[in-house]
């Protein structure tokens, strides 16, 4: 019986850590630009020729 209580506490701890991590990541995504973090991807035009074989 004692082992099940320990496993239950461990599962709760893991769930709490995962929830706090998700909240922290979302908070960082919203607050990051105020501290100079740029999340936008670099934009660059790429042109490649395409050969179509329409036989």
C-alpha atoms as a PDB file:
ATOM      1  CA  UNK A   1       0.000   0.000   0.000  1.00  0.00           C
ATOM      2  CA  UNK A   2       2.863   2.371   0.799  1.00  0.00           C
ATOM      3  CA  UNK A   3       4.374   1.894  -2.657  1.00  0.00           C
ATOM      4  CA  UNK A   4       1.158   3.021  -4.343  1.00  0.00           C
ATOM      5  CA  UNK A   5       1.141   6.207  -2.260  1.00  0.00           C
ATOM      6  CA  UNK A   6       4.731   6.940  -3.281  1.00  0.00           C
ATOM      7  CA  UNK A   7       3.930   6.330  -6.948  1.00  0.00           C
ATOM      8  CA  UNK A   8       0.880   8.580  -6.678  1.00  0.00           C
ATOM      9  CA  UNK A   9       2.990  11.380  -5.238  1.00  0.00           C
ATOM     10  CA  UNK A  10       5.588  10.892  -7.953  1.00  0.00           C
ATOM     11  CA  UNK A  11       2.942  11.052 -10.690  1.00  0.00           C
ATOM     12  CA  UNK A  12       1.467  14.214  -9.157  1.00  0.00           C
ATOM     13  CA  UNK A  13       4.923  15.785  -8.999  1.00  0.00           C
ATOM     14  CA  UNK A  14       5.603  14.984 -12.649  1.00  0.00           C
ATOM     15  CA  UNK A  15       2.216  16.420 -13.676  1.00  0.00           C
ATOM     16  CA  UNK A  16       2.871  19.609 -11.694  1.00  0.00           C
ATOM     17  CA  UNK A  17       6.314  20.012 -13.266  1.00  0.00           C
ATOM     18  CA  UNK A  18       4.909  19.494 -16.774  1.00  0.00           C
ATOM     19  CA  UNK A  19       2.126  22.039 -16.170  1.00  0.00           C
ATOM     20  CA  UNK A  20       4.540  24.618 -14.781  1.00  0.00           C
ATOM     21  CA  UNK A  21       6.878  24.057 -17.727  1.00  0.00           C
ATOM     22  CA  UNK A  22       4.064  24.639 -20.226  1.00  0.00           C
ATOM     23  CA  UNK A  23       2.959  27.796 -18.400  1.00  0.00           C
ATOM     24  CA  UNK A  24       6.555  29.029 -18.333  1.00  0.00           C
ATOM     25  CA  UNK A  25       7.042  28.361 -22.034  1.00  0.00           C
ATOM     26  CA  UNK A  26       3.846  30.191 -22.972  1.00  0.00           C
ATOM     27  CA  UNK A  27       4.799  33.081 -20.684  1.00  0.00           C
ATOM     28  CA  UNK A  28       8.244  33.283 -22.273  1.00  0.00           C
ATOM     29  CA  UNK A  29       6.684  33.340 -25.736  1.00  0.00           C
ATOM     30  CA  UNK A  30       4.511  36.310 -24.757  1.00  0.00           C
ATOM     31  CA  UNK A  31       7.050  38.256 -22.683  1.00  0.00           C
ATOM     32  CA  UNK A  32      10.181  37.433 -24.708  1.00  0.00           C
ATOM     33  CA  UNK A  33       9.810  40.198 -27.325  1.00  0.00           C
ATOM     34  CA  UNK A  34       9.786  42.832 -24.547  1.00  0.00           C
ATOM     35  CA  UNK A  35      13.300  41.675 -23.599  1.00  0.00           C
ATOM     36  CA  UNK A  36      14.663  41.715 -27.141  1.00  0.00           C
ATOM     37  CA  UNK A  37      14.107  38.072 -28.081  1.00  0.00           C
ATOM     38  CA  UNK A  38      13.101  37.720 -31.739  1.00  0.00           C
ATOM     39  CA  UNK A  39      11.021  34.635 -32.527  1.00  0.00           C
ATOM     40  CA  UNK A  40      10.344  35.434 -36.180  1.00  0.00           C
ATOM     41  CA  UNK A  41      11.915  33.221 -38.784  1.00  0.00           C
ATOM     42  CA  UNK A  42      14.390  34.761 -41.219  1.00  0.00           C
ATOM     43  CA  UNK A  43      12.652  35.516 -44.501  1.00  0.00           C
ATOM     44  CA  UNK A  44      14.544  34.870 -47.695  1.00  0.00           C
ATOM     45  CA  UNK A  45      13.277  34.279 -51.197  1.00  0.00           C
ATOM     46  CA  UNK A  46      14.427  31.020 -52.754  1.00  0.00           C
ATOM     47  CA  UNK A  47      14.031  30.311 -56.465  1.00  0.00           C
ATOM     48  CA  UNK A  48      14.641  26.867 -57.875  1.00  0.00           C
ATOM     49  CA  UNK A  49      14.024  25.763 -61.445  1.00  0.00           C
ATOM     50  CA  UNK A  50      11.594  22.881 -61.824  1.00  0.00           C
ATOM     51  CA  UNK A  51      11.806  20.467 -64.755  1.00  0.00           C
ATOM     52  CA  UNK A  52       8.539  18.721 -65.589  1.00  0.00           C
ATOM     53  CA  UNK A  53       8.594  15.549 -67.662  1.00  0.00           C
ATOM     54  CA  UNK A  54       5.219  15.582 -69.404  1.00  0.00           C
ATOM     55  CA  UNK A  55       5.723  12.620 -71.745  1.00  0.00           C
END
